[in-house]
Amino acid sequence: MLRFEITGEYIELIKLLKVLQIAESGAMAKALVENEKVLRNGEIETRKRAKICKGETIQVLGKTIVTC
């Protein structure tokens, strides 16, 4: 499990995937979302620029990210 501290109000989903180096590039991050490989709080997330806030759980490629 990875913990990620959000310093502002939110972080966009594709930026979160890039910052944590789960996706090597923006294109890869977008592809993960488009191919329904990302779960947000247990549900498939299809919005690339979804605003991820504190207290959310993201699951992708066998990794779990908890935002705080």
PDB file of N, CA and C in Angstrom:
ATOM      1  N   MET A   1       0.840  -1.180   0.000  1.00  0.00           N
ATOM      2  CA  MET A   1       0.000   0.000   0.000  1.00  0.00           C
ATOM      3  C   MET A   1       0.885   1.244   0.000  1.00  0.00           C
ATOM      4  N   LEU A   2       0.530   2.174  -0.854  1.00  0.00           N
ATOM      5  CA  LEU A   2       1.245   3.442  -0.953  1.00  0.00           C
ATOM      6  C   LEU A   2       0.384   4.535  -0.330  1.00  0.00           C
ATOM      7  N   ARG A   3       1.018   5.450   0.381  1.00  0.00           N
ATOM      8  CA  ARG A   3       0.312   6.606   0.921  1.00  0.00           C
ATOM      9  C   ARG A   3       0.816   7.841   0.172  1.00  0.00           C
ATOM     10  N   PHE A   4      -0.125   8.693  -0.231  1.00  0.00           N
ATOM     11  CA  PHE A   4       0.242   9.908  -0.943  1.00  0.00           C
ATOM     12  C   PHE A   4      -0.437  11.088  -0.264  1.00  0.00           C
ATOM     13  N   GLU A   5       0.378  12.053   0.147  1.00  0.00           N
ATOM     14  CA  GLU A   5      -0.163  13.236   0.805  1.00  0.00           C
ATOM     15  C   GLU A   5      -0.495  14.303  -0.232  1.00  0.00           C
ATOM     16  N   ILE A   6      -1.738  14.709  -0.253  1.00  0.00           N
ATOM     17  CA  ILE A   6      -2.195  15.764  -1.156  1.00  0.00           C
ATOM     18  C   ILE A   6      -1.987  17.095  -0.438  1.00  0.00           C
ATOM     19  N   THR A   7      -1.219  17.985  -1.060  1.00  0.00           N
ATOM     20  CA  THR A   7      -0.906  19.258  -0.410  1.00  0.00           C
ATOM     21  C   THR A   7      -1.940  20.344  -0.704  1.00  0.00           C
ATOM     22  N   GLY A   8      -2.638  20.231  -1.812  1.00  0.00           N
ATOM     23  CA  GLY A   8      -3.669  21.205  -2.149  1.00  0.00           C
ATOM     24  C   GLY A   8      -5.045  20.615  -1.902  1.00  0.00           C
ATOM     25  N   GLU A   9      -6.010  21.060  -2.697  1.00  0.00           N
ATOM     26  CA  GLU A   9      -7.372  20.545  -2.589  1.00  0.00           C
ATOM     27  C   GLU A   9      -7.485  19.143  -3.166  1.00  0.00           C
ATOM     28  N   TYR A  10      -6.778  18.910  -4.287  1.00  0.00           N
ATOM     29  CA  TYR A  10      -6.882  17.642  -4.997  1.00  0.00           C
ATOM     30  C   TYR A  10      -5.684  17.463  -5.913  1.00  0.00           C
ATOM     31  N   ILE A  11      -5.592  16.275  -6.532  1.00  0.00           N
ATOM     32  CA  ILE A  11      -4.621  16.024  -7.599  1.00  0.00           C
ATOM     33  C   ILE A  11      -5.370  15.274  -8.703  1.00  0.00           C
ATOM     34  N   GLU A  12      -5.083  15.603  -9.946  1.00  0.00           N
ATOM     35  CA  GLU A  12      -5.728  14.903 -11.057  1.00  0.00           C
ATOM     36  C   GLU A  12      -5.211  13.471 -11.116  1.00  0.00           C
ATOM     37  N   LEU A  13      -6.075  12.557 -11.487  1.00  0.00           N
ATOM     38  CA  LEU A  13      -5.746  11.140 -11.491  1.00  0.00           C
ATOM     39  C   LEU A  13      -4.495  10.822 -12.301  1.00  0.00           C
ATOM     40  N   ILE A  14      -4.403  11.333 -13.536  1.00  0.00           N
ATOM     41  CA  ILE A  14      -3.234  10.987 -14.353  1.00  0.00           C
ATOM     42  C   ILE A  14      -1.950  11.562 -13.758  1.00  0.00           C
ATOM     43  N   LYS A  15      -2.041  12.718 -13.105  1.00  0.00           N
ATOM     44  CA  LYS A  15      -0.851  13.287 -12.448  1.00  0.00           C
ATOM     45  C   LYS A  15      -0.422  12.418 -11.269  1.00  0.00           C
ATOM     46  N   LEU A  16      -1.385  11.900 -10.527  1.00  0.00           N
ATOM     47  CA  LEU A  16      -1.078  11.024  -9.400  1.00  0.00           C
ATOM     48  C   LEU A  16      -0.341   9.776  -9.880  1.00  0.00           C
ATOM     49  N   LEU A  17      -0.807   9.191 -10.965  1.00  0.00           N
ATOM     50  CA  LEU A  17      -0.167   7.986 -11.502  1.00  0.00           C
ATOM     51  C   LEU A  17       1.258   8.270 -11.970  1.00  0.00           C
ATOM     52  N   LYS A  18       1.486   9.463 -12.522  1.00  0.00           N
ATOM     53  CA  LYS A  18       2.835   9.825 -12.964  1.00  0.00           C
ATOM     54  C   LYS A  18       3.751  10.143 -11.776  1.00  0.00           C
ATOM     55  N   VAL A  19       3.258  10.893 -10.803  1.00  0.00           N
ATOM     56  CA  VAL A  19       4.072  11.270  -9.642  1.00  0.00           C
ATOM     57  C   VAL A  19       4.553  10.029  -8.886  1.00  0.00           C
ATOM     58  N   LEU A  20       3.690   9.035  -8.760  1.00  0.00           N
ATOM     59  CA  LEU A  20       4.051   7.817  -8.045  1.00  0.00           C
ATOM     60  C   LEU A  20       4.794   6.818  -8.921  1.00  0.00           C
ATOM     61  N   GLN A  21       5.057   7.201 -10.167  1.00  0.00           N
ATOM     62  CA  GLN A  21       5.792   6.391 -11.138  1.00  0.00           C
ATOM     63  C   GLN A  21       5.111   5.046 -11.418  1.00  0.00           C
ATOM     64  N   ILE A  22       3.795   5.028 -11.306  1.00  0.00           N
ATOM     65  CA  ILE A  22       3.026   3.853 -11.711  1.00  0.00           C
ATOM     66  C   ILE A  22       2.915   3.868 -13.226  1.00  0.00           C
ATOM     67  N   ALA A  23       2.785   5.061 -13.786  1.00  0.00           N
ATOM     68  CA  ALA A  23       2.786   5.251 -15.232  1.00  0.00           C
ATOM     69  C   ALA A  23       4.067   5.991 -15.602  1.00  0.00           C
ATOM     70  N   GLU A  24       4.743   5.508 -16.626  1.00  0.00           N
ATOM     71  CA  GLU A  24       6.003   6.126 -17.053  1.00  0.00           C
ATOM     72  C   GLU A  24       5.787   7.452 -17.772  1.00  0.00           C
ATOM     73  N   SER A  25       4.586   7.644 -18.318  1.00  0.00           N
ATOM     74  CA  SER A  25       4.303   8.861 -19.073  1.00  0.00           C
ATOM     75  C   SER A  25       2.828   9.206 -18.945  1.00  0.00           C
ATOM     76  N   GLY A  26       2.497  10.398 -19.403  1.00  0.00           N
ATOM     77  CA  GLY A  26       1.096  10.799 -19.423  1.00  0.00           C
ATOM     78  C   GLY A  26       0.270   9.913 -20.328  1.00  0.00           C
ATOM     79  N   ALA A  27       0.859   9.492 -21.435  1.00  0.00           N
ATOM     80  CA  ALA A  27       0.148   8.614 -22.374  1.00  0.00           C
ATOM     81  C   ALA A  27      -0.174   7.274 -21.723  1.00  0.00           C
ATOM     82  N   MET A  28       0.768   6.748 -20.956  1.00  0.00           N
ATOM     83  CA  MET A  28       0.533   5.476 -20.279  1.00  0.00           C
ATOM     84  C   MET A  28      -0.544   5.635 -19.209  1.00  0.00           C
ATOM     85  N   ALA A  29      -0.503   6.744 -18.476  1.00  0.00           N
ATOM     86  CA  ALA A  29      -1.516   7.009 -17.449  1.00  0.00           C
ATOM     87  C   ALA A  29      -2.902   7.097 -18.080  1.00  0.00           C
ATOM     88  N   LYS A  30      -3.006   7.801 -19.192  1.00  0.00           N
ATOM     89  CA  LYS A  30      -4.287   7.927 -19.891  1.00  0.00           C
ATOM     90  C   LYS A  30      -4.775   6.569 -20.369  1.00  0.00           C
ATOM     91  N   ALA A  31      -3.868   5.741 -20.890  1.00  0.00           N
ATOM     92  CA  ALA A  31      -4.238   4.411 -21.384  1.00  0.00           C
ATOM     93  C   ALA A  31      -4.775   3.536 -20.249  1.00  0.00           C
ATOM     94  N   LEU A  32      -4.159   3.612 -19.082  1.00  0.00           N
ATOM     95  CA  LEU A  32      -4.644   2.829 -17.938  1.00  0.00           C
ATOM     96  C   LEU A  32      -6.084   3.198 -17.602  1.00  0.00           C
ATOM     97  N   VAL A  33      -6.368   4.498 -17.610  1.00  0.00           N
ATOM     98  CA  VAL A  33      -7.718   4.963 -17.295  1.00  0.00           C
ATOM     99  C   VAL A  33      -8.688   4.569 -18.411  1.00  0.00           C
ATOM    100  N   GLU A  34      -8.310   4.809 -19.654  1.00  0.00           N
ATOM    101  CA  GLU A  34      -9.186   4.495 -20.787  1.00  0.00           C
ATOM    102  C   GLU A  34      -9.508   3.005 -20.870  1.00  0.00           C
ATOM    103  N   ASN A  35      -8.560   2.159 -20.476  1.00  0.00           N
ATOM    104  CA  ASN A  35      -8.757   0.707 -20.536  1.00  0.00           C
ATOM    105  C   ASN A  35      -9.362   0.152 -19.248  1.00  0.00           C
ATOM    106  N   GLU A  36      -9.907   1.040 -18.428  1.00  0.00           N
ATOM    107  CA  GLU A  36     -10.623   0.679 -17.200  1.00  0.00           C
ATOM    108  C   GLU A  36      -9.779  -0.170 -16.250  1.00  0.00           C
ATOM    109  N   LYS A  37      -8.508   0.213 -16.086  1.00  0.00           N
ATOM    110  CA  LYS A  37      -7.587  -0.492 -15.190  1.00  0.00           C
ATOM    111  C   LYS A  37      -7.472   0.189 -13.830  1.00  0.00           C
ATOM    112  N   VAL A  38      -8.204   1.300 -13.650  1.00  0.00           N
ATOM    113  CA  VAL A  38      -8.089   2.087 -12.416  1.00  0.00           C
ATOM    114  C   VAL A  38      -9.410   2.040 -11.644  1.00  0.00           C
ATOM    115  N   LEU A  39      -9.317   1.670 -10.368  1.00  0.00           N
ATOM    116  CA  LEU A  39     -10.480   1.696  -9.487  1.00  0.00           C
ATOM    117  C   LEU A  39     -10.321   2.853  -8.512  1.00  0.00           C
ATOM    118  N   ARG A  40     -11.374   3.597  -8.351  1.00  0.00           N
ATOM    119  CA  ARG A  40     -11.398   4.709  -7.391  1.00  0.00           C
ATOM    120  C   ARG A  40     -12.463   4.374  -6.354  1.00  0.00           C
ATOM    121  N   ASN A  41     -12.039   4.177  -5.129  1.00  0.00           N
ATOM    122  CA  ASN A  41     -12.963   3.793  -4.056  1.00  0.00           C
ATOM    123  C   ASN A  41     -13.802   2.575  -4.447  1.00  0.00           C
ATOM    124  N   GLY A  42     -13.157   1.617  -5.142  1.00  0.00           N
ATOM    125  CA  GLY A  42     -13.807   0.361  -5.496  1.00  0.00           C
ATOM    126  C   GLY A  42     -14.593   0.361  -6.789  1.00  0.00           C
ATOM    127  N   GLU A  43     -14.676   1.497  -7.480  1.00  0.00           N
ATOM    128  CA  GLU A  43     -15.423   1.586  -8.731  1.00  0.00           C
ATOM    129  C   GLU A  43     -14.503   2.017  -9.859  1.00  0.00           C
ATOM    130  N   ILE A  44     -14.769   1.521 -11.067  1.00  0.00           N
ATOM    131  CA  ILE A  44     -13.957   1.871 -12.225  1.00  0.00           C
ATOM    132  C   ILE A  44     -14.039   3.374 -12.469  1.00  0.00           C
ATOM    133  N   GLU A  45     -12.866   4.002 -12.641  1.00  0.00           N
ATOM    134  CA  GLU A  45     -12.805   5.445 -12.930  1.00  0.00           C
ATOM    135  C   GLU A  45     -12.394   5.623 -14.383  1.00  0.00           C
ATOM    136  N   THR A  46     -13.213   6.323 -15.153  1.00  0.00           N
ATOM    137  CA  THR A  46     -12.934   6.518 -16.581  1.00  0.00           C
ATOM    138  C   THR A  46     -12.567   7.960 -16.927  1.00  0.00           C
ATOM    139  N   ARG A  47     -12.536   8.828 -15.932  1.00  0.00           N
ATOM    140  CA  ARG A  47     -12.184  10.234 -16.189  1.00  0.00           C
ATOM    141  C   ARG A  47     -10.700  10.436 -15.902  1.00  0.00           C
ATOM    142  N   LYS A  48      -9.950  10.784 -16.937  1.00  0.00           N
ATOM    143  CA  LYS A  48      -8.500  10.953 -16.809  1.00  0.00           C
ATOM    144  C   LYS A  48      -8.140  12.070 -15.840  1.00  0.00           C
ATOM    145  N   ARG A  49      -8.911  13.107 -15.840  1.00  0.00           N
ATOM    146  CA  ARG A  49      -8.613  14.267 -15.006  1.00  0.00           C
ATOM    147  C   ARG A  49      -9.499  14.307 -13.756  1.00  0.00           C
ATOM    148  N   ALA A  50      -9.952  13.152 -13.306  1.00  0.00           N
ATOM    149  CA  ALA A  50     -10.764  13.084 -12.087  1.00  0.00           C
ATOM    150  C   ALA A  50      -9.978  13.716 -10.943  1.00  0.00           C
ATOM    151  N   LYS A  51     -10.666  14.484 -10.128  1.00  0.00           N
ATOM    152  CA  LYS A  51     -10.029  15.173  -9.003  1.00  0.00           C
ATOM    153  C   LYS A  51     -10.003  14.224  -7.802  1.00  0.00           C
ATOM    154  N   ILE A  52      -8.811  13.768  -7.466  1.00  0.00           N
ATOM    155  CA  ILE A  52      -8.633  12.855  -6.351  1.00  0.00           C
ATOM    156  C   ILE A  52      -8.375  13.681  -5.092  1.00  0.00           C
ATOM    157  N   CYS A  53      -9.190  13.468  -4.070  1.00  0.00           N
ATOM    158  CA  CYS A  53      -9.094  14.232  -2.830  1.00  0.00           C
ATOM    159  C   CYS A  53      -8.561  13.364  -1.697  1.00  0.00           C
ATOM    160  N   LYS A  54      -8.330  13.985  -0.573  1.00  0.00           N
ATOM    161  CA  LYS A  54      -7.844  13.271   0.615  1.00  0.00           C
ATOM    162  C   LYS A  54      -8.865  12.214   1.033  1.00  0.00           C
ATOM    163  N   GLY A  55      -8.356  11.057   1.480  1.00  0.00           N
ATOM    164  CA  GLY A  55      -9.223   9.998   1.984  1.00  0.00           C
ATOM    165  C   GLY A  55      -9.717   9.025   0.928  1.00  0.00           C
ATOM    166  N   GLU A  56      -9.240   9.153  -0.292  1.00  0.00           N
ATOM    167  CA  GLU A  56      -9.676   8.251  -1.357  1.00  0.00           C
ATOM    168  C   GLU A  56      -8.684   7.110  -1.541  1.00  0.00           C
ATOM    169  N   THR A  57      -9.171   6.007  -2.119  1.00  0.00           N
ATOM    170  CA  THR A  57      -8.343   4.841  -2.390  1.00  0.00           C
ATOM    171  C   THR A  57      -8.350   4.579  -3.887  1.00  0.00           C
ATOM    172  N   ILE A  58      -7.164   4.449  -4.458  1.00  0.00           N
ATOM    173  CA  ILE A  58      -7.005   4.167  -5.883  1.00  0.00           C
ATOM    174  C   ILE A  58      -6.309   2.816  -6.008  1.00  0.00           C
ATOM    175  N   GLN A  59      -6.832   1.963  -6.876  1.00  0.00           N
ATOM    176  CA  GLN A  59      -6.203   0.672  -7.136  1.00  0.00           C
ATOM    177  C   GLN A  59      -5.879   0.591  -8.616  1.00  0.00           C
ATOM    178  N   VAL A  60      -4.619   0.231  -8.916  1.00  0.00           N
ATOM    179  CA  VAL A  60      -4.180   0.126 -10.302  1.00  0.00           C
ATOM    180  C   VAL A  60      -2.968  -0.798 -10.359  1.00  0.00           C
ATOM    181  N   LEU A  61      -2.955  -1.688 -11.332  1.00  0.00           N
ATOM    182  CA  LEU A  61      -1.833  -2.611 -11.563  1.00  0.00           C
ATOM    183  C   LEU A  61      -1.391  -3.335 -10.289  1.00  0.00           C
ATOM    184  N   GLY A  62      -2.343  -3.757  -9.485  1.00  0.00           N
ATOM    185  CA  GLY A  62      -2.028  -4.491  -8.269  1.00  0.00           C
ATOM    186  C   GLY A  62      -1.536  -3.649  -7.113  1.00  0.00           C
ATOM    187  N   LYS A  63      -1.550  -2.328  -7.280  1.00  0.00           N
ATOM    188  CA  LYS A  63      -1.102  -1.420  -6.221  1.00  0.00           C
ATOM    189  C   LYS A  63      -2.308  -0.677  -5.648  1.00  0.00           C
ATOM    190  N   THR A  64      -2.238  -0.407  -4.364  1.00  0.00           N
ATOM    191  CA  THR A  64      -3.281   0.373  -3.710  1.00  0.00           C
ATOM    192  C   THR A  64      -2.659   1.664  -3.190  1.00  0.00           C
ATOM    193  N   ILE A  65      -3.295   2.781  -3.539  1.00  0.00           N
ATOM    194  CA  ILE A  65      -2.832   4.110  -3.131  1.00  0.00           C
ATOM    195  C   ILE A  65      -3.903   4.699  -2.225  1.00  0.00           C
ATOM    196  N   VAL A  66      -3.496   5.163  -1.062  1.00  0.00           N
ATOM    197  CA  VAL A  66      -4.411   5.843  -0.144  1.00  0.00           C
ATOM    198  C   VAL A  66      -3.941   7.287  -0.064  1.00  0.00           C
ATOM    199  N   THR A  67      -4.855   8.214  -0.304  1.00  0.00           N
ATOM    200  CA  THR A  67      -4.501   9.637  -0.240  1.00  0.00           C
ATOM    201  C   THR A  67      -4.821  10.187   1.143  1.00  0.00           C
ATOM    202  N   CYS A  68      -3.956  11.096   1.570  1.00  0.00           N
ATOM    203  CA  CYS A  68      -4.169  11.711   2.884  1.00  0.00           C
ATOM    204  C   CYS A  68      -3.808  13.183   2.810  1.00  0.00           C
TER     205      CYS A  68
END
